[in-house]
PDB file of all heavy atoms in Angstrom:
ATOM      1  N   PHE A   1      80.889 115.209  29.257  1.00  0.00           N
ATOM      2  CA  PHE A   1      79.485 115.318  29.653  1.00  0.00           C
ATOM      3  C   PHE A   1      78.930 114.023  30.228  1.00  0.00           C
ATOM      4  O   PHE A   1      77.883 113.542  29.836  1.00  0.00           O
ATOM      5  CB  PHE A   1      78.626 115.804  28.485  1.00  0.00           C
ATOM      6  CG  PHE A   1      79.108 117.097  27.897  1.00  0.00           C
ATOM      7  CD1 PHE A   1      79.552 117.154  26.590  1.00  0.00           C
ATOM      8  CD2 PHE A   1      79.151 118.253  28.660  1.00  0.00           C
ATOM      9  CE1 PHE A   1      80.016 118.345  26.051  1.00  0.00           C
ATOM     10  CE2 PHE A   1      79.613 119.440  28.131  1.00  0.00           C
ATOM     11  CZ  PHE A   1      80.042 119.493  26.815  1.00  0.00           C
ATOM     12  N   ILE A   2      79.674 113.470  31.191  1.00  0.00           N
ATOM     13  CA  ILE A   2      79.184 112.304  31.931  1.00  0.00           C
ATOM     14  C   ILE A   2      78.059 112.797  32.827  1.00  0.00           C
ATOM     15  O   ILE A   2      78.249 113.713  33.626  1.00  0.00           O
ATOM     16  CB  ILE A   2      80.304 111.680  32.790  1.00  0.00           C
ATOM     17  CG1 ILE A   2      81.483 111.259  31.915  1.00  0.00           C
ATOM     18  CG2 ILE A   2      79.765 110.511  33.596  1.00  0.00           C
ATOM     19  CD1 ILE A   2      82.745 110.951  32.709  1.00  0.00           C
ATOM     20  N   GLN A   3      76.882 112.205  32.683  1.00  0.00           N
ATOM     21  CA  GLN A   3      75.727 112.629  33.474  1.00  0.00           C
ATOM     22  C   GLN A   3      75.598 111.746  34.707  1.00  0.00           C
ATOM     23  O   GLN A   3      75.562 110.524  34.597  1.00  0.00           O
ATOM     24  CB  GLN A   3      74.448 112.544  32.647  1.00  0.00           C
ATOM     25  CG  GLN A   3      74.459 113.469  31.452  1.00  0.00           C
ATOM     26  CD  GLN A   3      73.183 113.341  30.629  1.00  0.00           C
ATOM     27  OE1 GLN A   3      72.377 112.451  30.819  1.00  0.00           O
ATOM     28  NE2 GLN A   3      73.016 114.262  29.689  1.00  0.00           N
ATOM     29  N   VAL A   4      75.540 112.405  35.863  1.00  0.00           N
ATOM     30  CA  VAL A   4      75.328 111.692  37.124  1.00  0.00           C
ATOM     31  C   VAL A   4      74.024 112.225  37.699  1.00  0.00           C
ATOM     32  O   VAL A   4      73.921 113.400  38.055  1.00  0.00           O
ATOM     33  CB  VAL A   4      76.491 111.912  38.109  1.00  0.00           C
ATOM     34  CG1 VAL A   4      76.291 111.062  39.353  1.00  0.00           C
ATOM     35  CG2 VAL A   4      77.836 111.595  37.452  1.00  0.00           C
ATOM     36  N   GLY A   5      73.023 111.372  37.747  1.00  0.00           N
ATOM     37  CA  GLY A   5      71.699 111.780  38.188  1.00  0.00           C
ATOM     38  C   GLY A   5      71.668 112.249  39.627  1.00  0.00           C
ATOM     39  O   GLY A   5      72.524 111.899  40.448  1.00  0.00           O
ATOM     40  N   ALA A   6      70.659 113.045  39.952  1.00  0.00           N
ATOM     41  CA  ALA A   6      70.465 113.530  41.319  1.00  0.00           C
ATOM     42  C   ALA A   6      70.398 112.345  42.276  1.00  0.00           C
ATOM     43  O   ALA A   6      69.661 111.386  42.044  1.00  0.00           O
ATOM     44  CB  ALA A   6      69.189 114.353  41.402  1.00  0.00           C
ATOM     45  N   GLY A   7      71.193 112.398  43.336  1.00  0.00           N
ATOM     46  CA  GLY A   7      71.204 111.328  44.324  1.00  0.00           C
ATOM     47  C   GLY A   7      71.804 110.029  43.828  1.00  0.00           C
ATOM     48  O   GLY A   7      71.680 109.005  44.492  1.00  0.00           O
ATOM     49  N   GLY A   8      72.489 110.051  42.685  1.00  0.00           N
ATOM     50  CA  GLY A   8      73.011 108.828  42.091  1.00  0.00           C
ATOM     51  C   GLY A   8      74.523 108.756  42.072  1.00  0.00           C
ATOM     52  O   GLY A   8      75.223 109.646  42.552  1.00  0.00           O
ATOM     53  N   SER A   9      74.999 107.671  41.503  1.00  0.00           N
ATOM     54  CA  SER A   9      76.438 107.498  41.343  1.00  0.00           C
ATOM     55  C   SER A   9      76.698 106.756  40.041  1.00  0.00           C
ATOM     56  O   SER A   9      75.802 106.107  39.493  1.00  0.00           O
ATOM     57  CB  SER A   9      77.045 106.735  42.518  1.00  0.00           C
ATOM     58  OG  SER A   9      76.565 105.405  42.551  1.00  0.00           O
ATOM     59  N   GLN A  10      77.923 106.866  39.572  1.00  0.00           N
ATOM     60  CA  GLN A  10      78.305 106.198  38.334  1.00  0.00           C
ATOM     61  C   GLN A  10      79.761 105.769  38.442  1.00  0.00           C
ATOM     62  O   GLN A  10      80.625 106.566  38.820  1.00  0.00           O
ATOM     63  CB  GLN A  10      78.108 107.115  37.138  1.00  0.00           C
ATOM     64  CG  GLN A  10      78.353 106.424  35.822  1.00  0.00           C
ATOM     65  CD  GLN A  10      77.872 107.257  34.640  1.00  0.00           C
ATOM     66  OE1 GLN A  10      77.185 108.251  34.793  1.00  0.00           O
ATOM     67  NE2 GLN A  10      78.252 106.830  33.459  1.00  0.00           N
ATOM     68  N   ARG A  11      80.034 104.507  38.116  1.00  0.00           N
ATOM     69  CA  ARG A  11      81.403 103.977  38.128  1.00  0.00           C
ATOM     70  C   ARG A  11      82.017 104.217  36.749  1.00  0.00           C
ATOM     71  O   ARG A  11      81.401 103.930  35.722  1.00  0.00           O
ATOM     72  CB  ARG A  11      81.386 102.483  38.454  1.00  0.00           C
ATOM     73  CG  ARG A  11      82.752 101.916  38.725  1.00  0.00           C
ATOM     74  CD  ARG A  11      83.198 102.242  40.114  1.00  0.00           C
ATOM     75  NE  ARG A  11      84.557 101.742  40.355  1.00  0.00           N
ATOM     76  CZ  ARG A  11      85.372 102.269  41.227  1.00  0.00           C
ATOM     77  NH1 ARG A  11      84.991 103.289  41.962  1.00  0.00           N
ATOM     78  NH2 ARG A  11      86.566 101.787  41.402  1.00  0.00           N
ATOM     79  N   ILE A  12      83.233 104.740  36.725  1.00  0.00           N
ATOM     80  CA  ILE A  12      83.940 105.044  35.491  1.00  0.00           C
ATOM     81  C   ILE A  12      85.241 104.249  35.470  1.00  0.00           C
ATOM     82  O   ILE A  12      85.938 104.168  36.475  1.00  0.00           O
ATOM     83  CB  ILE A  12      84.280 106.559  35.390  1.00  0.00           C
ATOM     84  CG1 ILE A  12      83.045 107.423  35.598  1.00  0.00           C
ATOM     85  CG2 ILE A  12      84.994 106.863  34.085  1.00  0.00           C
ATOM     86  CD1 ILE A  12      82.012 107.313  34.513  1.00  0.00           C
ATOM     87  N   GLU A  13      85.561 103.667  34.311  1.00  0.00           N
ATOM     88  CA  GLU A  13      86.798 102.911  34.168  1.00  0.00           C
ATOM     89  C   GLU A  13      87.502 103.315  32.876  1.00  0.00           C
ATOM     90  O   GLU A  13      86.856 103.497  31.845  1.00  0.00           O
ATOM     91  CB  GLU A  13      86.514 101.411  34.136  1.00  0.00           C
ATOM     92  CG  GLU A  13      85.905 100.877  35.414  1.00  0.00           C
ATOM     93  CD  GLU A  13      85.636  99.380  35.359  1.00  0.00           C
ATOM     94  OE1 GLU A  13      86.067  98.721  34.381  1.00  0.00           O
ATOM     95  OE2 GLU A  13      84.997  98.873  36.289  1.00  0.00           O
ATOM     96  N   HIS A  14      88.813 103.458  32.957  1.00  0.00           N
ATOM     97  CA  HIS A  14      89.647 103.739  31.793  1.00  0.00           C
ATOM     98  C   HIS A  14      90.814 102.745  31.814  1.00  0.00           C
ATOM     99  O   HIS A  14      91.409 102.522  32.866  1.00  0.00           O
ATOM    100  CB  HIS A  14      90.274 105.138  31.866  1.00  0.00           C
ATOM    101  CG  HIS A  14      89.302 106.265  31.929  1.00  0.00           C
ATOM    102  ND1 HIS A  14      88.818 106.892  30.809  1.00  0.00           N
ATOM    103  CD2 HIS A  14      88.749 106.898  32.982  1.00  0.00           C
ATOM    104  CE1 HIS A  14      88.010 107.874  31.177  1.00  0.00           C
ATOM    105  NE2 HIS A  14      87.939 107.891  32.496  1.00  0.00           N
ATOM    106  N   VAL A  15      91.136 102.192  30.652  1.00  0.00           N
ATOM    107  CA  VAL A  15      92.323 101.349  30.505  1.00  0.00           C
ATOM    108  C   VAL A  15      93.052 101.825  29.255  1.00  0.00           C
ATOM    109  O   VAL A  15      92.456 101.892  28.179  1.00  0.00           O
ATOM    110  CB  VAL A  15      91.951  99.857  30.361  1.00  0.00           C
ATOM    111  CG1 VAL A  15      93.209  99.020  30.130  1.00  0.00           C
ATOM    112  CG2 VAL A  15      91.195  99.363  31.583  1.00  0.00           C
ATOM    113  N   LEU A  16      94.317 102.184  29.418  1.00  0.00           N
ATOM    114  CA  LEU A  16      95.113 102.663  28.296  1.00  0.00           C
ATOM    115  C   LEU A  16      96.364 101.815  28.141  1.00  0.00           C
ATOM    116  O   LEU A  16      96.988 101.444  29.145  1.00  0.00           O
ATOM    117  CB  LEU A  16      95.553 104.115  28.503  1.00  0.00           C
ATOM    118  CG  LEU A  16      94.471 105.183  28.398  1.00  0.00           C
ATOM    119  CD1 LEU A  16      93.792 105.393  29.714  1.00  0.00           C
ATOM    120  CD2 LEU A  16      95.074 106.461  27.909  1.00  0.00           C
ATOM    121  N   ASN A  17      96.720 101.533  26.897  1.00  0.00           N
ATOM    122  CA  ASN A  17      97.948 100.828  26.580  1.00  0.00           C
ATOM    123  C   ASN A  17      98.802 101.736  25.713  1.00  0.00           C
ATOM    124  O   ASN A  17      98.338 102.234  24.686  1.00  0.00           O
ATOM    125  CB  ASN A  17      97.666  99.526  25.841  1.00  0.00           C
ATOM    126  CG  ASN A  17      97.001  98.507  26.735  1.00  0.00           C
ATOM    127  OD1 ASN A  17      97.512  98.179  27.797  1.00  0.00           O
ATOM    128  ND2 ASN A  17      95.843  98.010  26.331  1.00  0.00           N
ATOM    129  N   LEU A  18     100.028 101.956  26.142  1.00  0.00           N
ATOM    130  CA  LEU A  18     100.978 102.772  25.394  1.00  0.00           C
ATOM    131  C   LEU A  18     101.999 101.823  24.772  1.00  0.00           C
ATOM    132  O   LEU A  18     102.802 101.217  25.478  1.00  0.00           O
ATOM    133  CB  LEU A  18     101.671 103.778  26.320  1.00  0.00           C
ATOM    134  CG  LEU A  18     102.719 104.675  25.688  1.00  0.00           C
ATOM    135  CD1 LEU A  18     102.108 105.526  24.577  1.00  0.00           C
ATOM    136  CD2 LEU A  18     103.356 105.554  26.743  1.00  0.00           C
ATOM    137  N   VAL A  19     101.920 101.678  23.452  1.00  0.00           N
ATOM    138  CA  VAL A  19     102.819 100.791  22.720  1.00  0.00           C
ATOM    139  C   VAL A  19     103.905 101.651  22.088  1.00  0.00           C
ATOM    140  O   VAL A  19     103.607 102.608  21.371  1.00  0.00           O
ATOM    141  CB  VAL A  19     102.046  99.996  21.640  1.00  0.00           C
ATOM    142  CG1 VAL A  19     102.976  99.098  20.861  1.00  0.00           C
ATOM    143  CG2 VAL A  19     100.917  99.193  22.285  1.00  0.00           C
ATOM    144  N   ALA A  20     105.155 101.304  22.370  1.00  0.00           N
ATOM    145  CA  ALA A  20     106.268 102.115  21.873  1.00  0.00           C
ATOM    146  C   ALA A  20     107.529 101.266  21.773  1.00  0.00           C
ATOM    147  O   ALA A  20     107.621 100.186  22.362  1.00  0.00           O
ATOM    148  CB  ALA A  20     106.519 103.301  22.800  1.00  0.00           C
ATOM    149  N   SER A  21     108.492 101.783  21.024  1.00  0.00           N
ATOM    150  CA  SER A  21     109.840 101.212  21.036  1.00  0.00           C
ATOM    151  C   SER A  21     110.808 102.356  21.309  1.00  0.00           C
ATOM    152  O   SER A  21     110.505 103.523  21.046  1.00  0.00           O
ATOM    153  CB  SER A  21     110.157 100.505  19.720  1.00  0.00           C
ATOM    154  OG  SER A  21     110.190 101.429  18.657  1.00  0.00           O
ATOM    155  N   TYR A  22     111.953 102.008  21.834  1.00  0.00           N
ATOM    156  CA  TYR A  22     112.916 103.014  22.260  1.00  0.00           C
ATOM    157  C   TYR A  22     114.247 102.750  21.575  1.00  0.00           C
ATOM    158  O   TYR A  22     114.727 101.610  21.567  1.00  0.00           O
ATOM    159  CB  TYR A  22     113.046 102.979  23.793  1.00  0.00           C
ATOM    160  CG  TYR A  22     111.702 103.198  24.451  1.00  0.00           C
ATOM    161  CD1 TYR A  22     110.882 102.127  24.799  1.00  0.00           C
ATOM    162  CD2 TYR A  22     111.229 104.477  24.669  1.00  0.00           C
ATOM    163  CE1 TYR A  22     109.625 102.335  25.356  1.00  0.00           C
ATOM    164  CE2 TYR A  22     109.977 104.695  25.229  1.00  0.00           C
ATOM    165  CZ  TYR A  22     109.181 103.617  25.575  1.00  0.00           C
ATOM    166  OH  TYR A  22     107.943 103.823  26.118  1.00  0.00           O
ATOM    167  N   ASP A  23     114.833 103.806  21.004  1.00  0.00           N
ATOM    168  CA  ASP A  23     116.056 103.629  20.222  1.00  0.00           C
ATOM    169  C   ASP A  23     117.327 103.973  20.988  1.00  0.00           C
ATOM    170  O   ASP A  23     118.420 103.906  20.436  1.00  0.00           O
ATOM    171  CB  ASP A  23     115.983 104.416  18.916  1.00  0.00           C
ATOM    172  CG  ASP A  23     115.740 105.903  19.131  1.00  0.00           C
ATOM    173  OD1 ASP A  23     115.709 106.341  20.289  1.00  0.00           O
ATOM    174  OD2 ASP A  23     115.568 106.620  18.130  1.00  0.00           O
ATOM    175  N   GLN A  24     117.182 104.324  22.271  1.00  0.00           N
ATOM    176  CA  GLN A  24     118.333 104.636  23.112  1.00  0.00           C
ATOM    177  C   GLN A  24     118.185 103.931  24.457  1.00  0.00           C
ATOM    178  O   GLN A  24     117.080 103.846  24.990  1.00  0.00           O
ATOM    179  CB  GLN A  24     118.422 106.147  23.371  1.00  0.00           C
ATOM    180  CG  GLN A  24     118.616 106.996  22.137  1.00  0.00           C
ATOM    181  CD  GLN A  24     120.005 106.817  21.540  1.00  0.00           C
ATOM    182  OE1 GLN A  24     120.984 106.668  22.258  1.00  0.00           O
ATOM    183  NE2 GLN A  24     120.088 106.813  20.215  1.00  0.00           N
ATOM    184  N   PRO A  25     119.290 103.421  25.007  1.00  0.00           N
ATOM    185  CA  PRO A  25     119.206 102.829  26.346  1.00  0.00           C
ATOM    186  C   PRO A  25     119.027 103.920  27.401  1.00  0.00           C
ATOM    187  O   PRO A  25     119.375 105.083  27.170  1.00  0.00           O
ATOM    188  CB  PRO A  25     120.562 102.128  26.504  1.00  0.00           C
ATOM    189  CG  PRO A  25     121.477 102.840  25.565  1.00  0.00           C
ATOM    190  CD  PRO A  25     120.631 103.340  24.436  1.00  0.00           C
ATOM    191  N   GLY A  26     118.466 103.546  28.540  1.00  0.00           N
ATOM    192  CA  GLY A  26     118.303 104.484  29.644  1.00  0.00           C
ATOM    193  C   GLY A  26     116.985 104.309  30.358  1.00  0.00           C
ATOM    194  O   GLY A  26     116.184 103.432  30.041  1.00  0.00           O
ATOM    195  N   ASP A  27     116.768 105.177  31.341  1.00  0.00           N
ATOM    196  CA  ASP A  27     115.539 105.143  32.137  1.00  0.00           C
ATOM    197  C   ASP A  27     114.381 105.792  31.387  1.00  0.00           C
ATOM    198  O   ASP A  27     114.561 106.818  30.732  1.00  0.00           O
ATOM    199  CB  ASP A  27     115.725 105.891  33.456  1.00  0.00           C
ATOM    200  CG  ASP A  27     116.706 105.200  34.392  1.00  0.00           C
ATOM    201  OD1 ASP A  27     117.006 104.017  34.177  1.00  0.00           O
ATOM    202  OD2 ASP A  27     117.175 105.850  35.346  1.00  0.00           O
ATOM    203  N   VAL A  28     113.202 105.190  31.505  1.00  0.00           N
ATOM    204  CA  VAL A  28     111.972 105.747  30.940  1.00  0.00           C
ATOM    205  C   VAL A  28     110.940 105.810  32.066  1.00  0.00           C
ATOM    206  O   VAL A  28     110.734 104.828  32.783  1.00  0.00           O
ATOM    207  CB  VAL A  28     111.427 104.892  29.773  1.00  0.00           C
ATOM    208  CG1 VAL A  28     110.102 105.437  29.274  1.00  0.00           C
ATOM    209  CG2 VAL A  28     112.444 104.816  28.639  1.00  0.00           C
ATOM    210  N   THR A  29     110.312 106.961  32.227  1.00  0.00           N
ATOM    211  CA  THR A  29     109.245 107.138  33.215  1.00  0.00           C
ATOM    212  C   THR A  29     107.916 107.223  32.484  1.00  0.00           C
ATOM    213  O   THR A  29     107.787 107.954  31.503  1.00  0.00           O
ATOM    214  CB  THR A  29     109.469 108.417  34.040  1.00  0.00           C
ATOM    215  OG1 THR A  29     110.720 108.308  34.721  1.00  0.00           O
ATOM    216  CG2 THR A  29     108.356 108.615  35.059  1.00  0.00           C
ATOM    217  N   VAL A  30     106.939 106.465  32.951  1.00  0.00           N
ATOM    218  CA  VAL A  30     105.590 106.472  32.391  1.00  0.00           C
ATOM    219  C   VAL A  30     104.652 107.047  33.451  1.00  0.00           C
ATOM    220  O   VAL A  30     104.621 106.558  34.585  1.00  0.00           O
ATOM    221  CB  VAL A  30     105.136 105.058  31.984  1.00  0.00           C
ATOM    222  CG1 VAL A  30     103.704 105.074  31.472  1.00  0.00           C
ATOM    223  CG2 VAL A  30     106.081 104.471  30.942  1.00  0.00           C
TER     224      VAL A  30
END
């Protein structure tokens, strides 16, 4: 429910960090 007023604009930013460990060798796609 992001509200954008009539005739207006709003800048949105998202930053995500995925912390993980891997127990097998090989390619990983994110």
